[in-house]
């Protein structure tokens, strides 16, 4: 079993984008961070657990099919499922409506961009903007390899 990294994805309503997301993650030493998830050089594989904290009231949940719930691409934002993750990501599972798990092998140095995708209710913001799913969040993994 690899080191564990917990990633909290907090979703709130946003006037222009529909939903705004923030990312907080806890490393294997119990330290919390924000921004890109860092995997240190020679730290080996990591078990990553994403947990959605839905503060929108829109009943957000991960897409039902795990390959629709998370997309990966090395060096650029992913354009769809089946992107190139340089064989760094294995064992993807949609553990529940609000939880997604995977293993990052961290064997090659690279920046993995990913898109987390969610379904949820449609709504019209106070300013009249209409929003509907899928809602997406595009953070990144920084693999240092080794």
Protein backbone atom coordinates (compact mmCIF):
# COMPACT_ATOMS: atom_id res chain seq x y z
CA UNK A 1 0.00 0.00 0.00
CA UNK A 2 1.29 3.45 -0.92
CA UNK A 3 1.31 6.63 1.09
CA UNK A 4 -2.12 8.19 1.48
CA UNK A 5 -3.06 11.65 0.22
CA UNK A 6 -6.51 13.01 1.04
CA UNK A 7 -7.90 15.70 -1.25
CA UNK A 8 -10.96 17.74 -0.26
CA UNK A 9 -12.75 19.44 -3.13
CA UNK A 10 -15.03 22.19 -1.82
CA UNK A 11 -17.78 23.34 -4.21
CA UNK A 12 -19.66 26.63 -3.82
CA UNK A 13 -22.01 28.50 -6.14
CA UNK A 14 -20.47 31.10 -8.44
CA UNK A 15 -22.29 33.81 -10.42
CA UNK A 16 -20.32 33.46 -13.67
CA UNK A 17 -19.00 29.88 -13.63
CA UNK A 18 -21.95 28.16 -11.97
CA UNK A 19 -19.80 26.38 -9.42
CA UNK A 20 -16.43 27.42 -7.96
CA UNK A 21 -14.08 24.77 -6.61
CA UNK A 22 -11.18 24.90 -4.17
CA UNK A 23 -8.74 22.12 -3.36
CA UNK A 24 -7.21 21.34 0.03
CA UNK A 25 -5.02 18.27 0.43
CA UNK A 26 -3.35 16.45 3.29
CA UNK A 27 0.02 14.82 2.69
CA UNK A 28 1.16 11.56 4.26
CA UNK A 29 2.68 13.51 7.20
CA UNK A 30 -0.64 15.10 8.14
CA UNK A 31 0.12 18.57 6.74
CA UNK A 32 -2.65 20.41 4.84
CA UNK A 33 -1.95 22.39 1.65
CA UNK A 34 -3.89 24.22 -1.05
CA UNK A 35 -3.21 24.30 -4.78
CA UNK A 36 -1.55 21.60 -6.92
CA UNK A 37 -1.01 18.24 -5.23
CA UNK A 38 2.74 17.61 -4.91
CA UNK A 39 4.26 14.11 -4.95
CA UNK A 40 7.93 14.34 -3.84
CA UNK A 41 10.88 12.78 -5.68
CA UNK A 42 11.43 9.16 -4.71
CA UNK A 43 8.36 9.10 -2.47
CA UNK A 44 6.88 6.14 -4.35
CA UNK A 45 3.26 5.47 -5.10
CA UNK A 46 0.41 7.26 -3.37
CA UNK A 47 -3.18 6.25 -2.68
CA UNK A 48 -5.25 9.36 -3.45
CA UNK A 49 -8.74 9.89 -2.08
CA UNK A 50 -10.86 12.75 -3.42
CA UNK A 51 -13.82 13.80 -1.30
CA UNK A 52 -16.39 16.28 -2.56
CA UNK A 53 -17.66 18.80 0.00
CA UNK A 54 -20.77 20.17 -1.74
CA UNK A 55 -21.75 23.60 -0.38
CA UNK A 56 -23.86 24.49 -3.45
CA UNK A 57 -27.20 22.92 -2.63
CA UNK A 58 -27.16 21.54 -6.19
CA UNK A 59 -26.78 17.87 -5.14
CA UNK A 60 -23.39 17.55 -6.82
CA UNK A 61 -21.85 14.13 -7.18
CA UNK A 62 -19.05 12.55 -9.19
CA UNK A 63 -20.10 11.34 -12.65
CA UNK A 64 -21.29 7.73 -12.34
CA UNK A 65 -18.63 6.18 -14.60
CA UNK A 66 -15.16 6.68 -13.12
CA UNK A 67 -13.70 7.39 -16.58
CA UNK A 68 -16.19 10.25 -16.90
CA UNK A 69 -15.59 11.40 -13.29
CA UNK A 70 -11.85 12.06 -13.80
CA UNK A 71 -9.80 12.74 -16.93
CA UNK A 72 -5.99 13.05 -17.08
CA UNK A 73 -3.49 14.56 -19.51
CA UNK A 74 0.26 15.19 -19.17
CA UNK A 75 1.30 18.81 -19.75
CA UNK A 76 -2.11 20.25 -20.65
CA UNK A 77 -5.74 20.32 -19.56
CA UNK A 78 -7.52 17.12 -20.59
CA UNK A 79 -9.99 17.33 -23.46
CA UNK A 80 -11.87 14.11 -22.72
CA UNK A 81 -11.66 10.59 -21.31
CA UNK A 82 -8.82 8.31 -22.27
CA UNK A 83 -6.10 10.97 -22.16
CA UNK A 84 -2.39 10.31 -21.66
CA UNK A 85 -1.47 9.87 -18.00
CA UNK A 86 1.96 8.30 -18.84
CA UNK A 87 0.76 5.15 -17.05
CA UNK A 88 0.95 7.00 -13.73
CA UNK A 89 -2.70 6.47 -12.67
CA UNK A 90 -4.17 3.05 -11.82
CA UNK A 91 -7.02 1.58 -9.78
CA UNK A 92 -9.52 4.42 -10.33
CA UNK A 93 -12.74 3.81 -8.40
CA UNK A 94 -15.88 5.85 -7.76
CA UNK A 95 -16.22 4.77 -4.14
CA UNK A 96 -19.43 6.76 -3.57
CA UNK A 97 -21.31 9.79 -4.93
CA UNK A 98 -18.85 12.05 -3.09
CA UNK A 99 -15.66 9.95 -3.10
CA UNK A 100 -13.20 8.95 -5.81
CA UNK A 101 -10.02 6.93 -5.20
CA UNK A 102 -6.97 6.09 -7.32
CA UNK A 103 -3.30 5.21 -7.13
CA UNK A 104 -0.66 7.62 -8.48
CA UNK A 105 2.49 5.60 -9.19
CA UNK A 106 4.69 8.75 -9.24
CA UNK A 107 7.33 6.84 -11.22
CA UNK A 108 8.00 9.57 -13.81
CA UNK A 109 8.52 13.29 -13.30
CA UNK A 110 5.61 15.10 -14.99
CA UNK A 111 2.72 17.46 -14.40
CA UNK A 112 -0.58 15.64 -14.68
CA UNK A 113 -3.52 17.92 -15.34
CA UNK A 114 -6.85 16.41 -14.48
CA UNK A 115 -10.51 17.28 -14.67
CA UNK A 116 -12.89 16.22 -11.95
CA UNK A 117 -16.41 16.10 -13.35
CA UNK A 118 -19.68 16.29 -11.46
CA UNK A 119 -23.38 16.05 -12.19
CA UNK A 120 -25.85 18.24 -10.33
CA UNK A 121 -28.98 20.32 -10.53
CA UNK A 122 -29.33 23.25 -12.91
CA UNK A 123 -29.94 26.73 -11.55
CA UNK A 124 -30.21 30.36 -12.51
CA UNK A 125 -27.95 32.72 -10.55
CA UNK A 126 -29.25 36.00 -9.05
CA UNK A 127 -27.73 37.83 -12.05
CA UNK A 128 -29.75 35.70 -14.49
CA UNK A 129 -26.92 33.37 -15.61
CA UNK A 130 -28.17 29.84 -16.34
CA UNK A 131 -25.94 26.96 -15.26
CA UNK A 132 -26.17 23.19 -15.69
CA UNK A 133 -23.85 20.21 -15.41
CA UNK A 134 -21.58 18.64 -15.97
CA UNK A 135 -19.60 20.89 -13.65
CA UNK A 136 -15.81 20.51 -13.89
CA UNK A 137 -12.71 21.39 -11.90
CA UNK A 138 -9.21 21.29 -13.45
CA UNK A 139 -6.44 21.08 -10.81
CA UNK A 140 -3.08 19.31 -11.24
CA UNK A 141 -0.70 16.69 -9.81
CA UNK A 142 3.01 17.51 -9.76
CA UNK A 143 4.84 14.18 -9.89
CA UNK A 144 8.52 14.46 -9.05
CA UNK A 145 9.13 10.82 -10.02
CA UNK A 146 11.88 8.50 -8.96
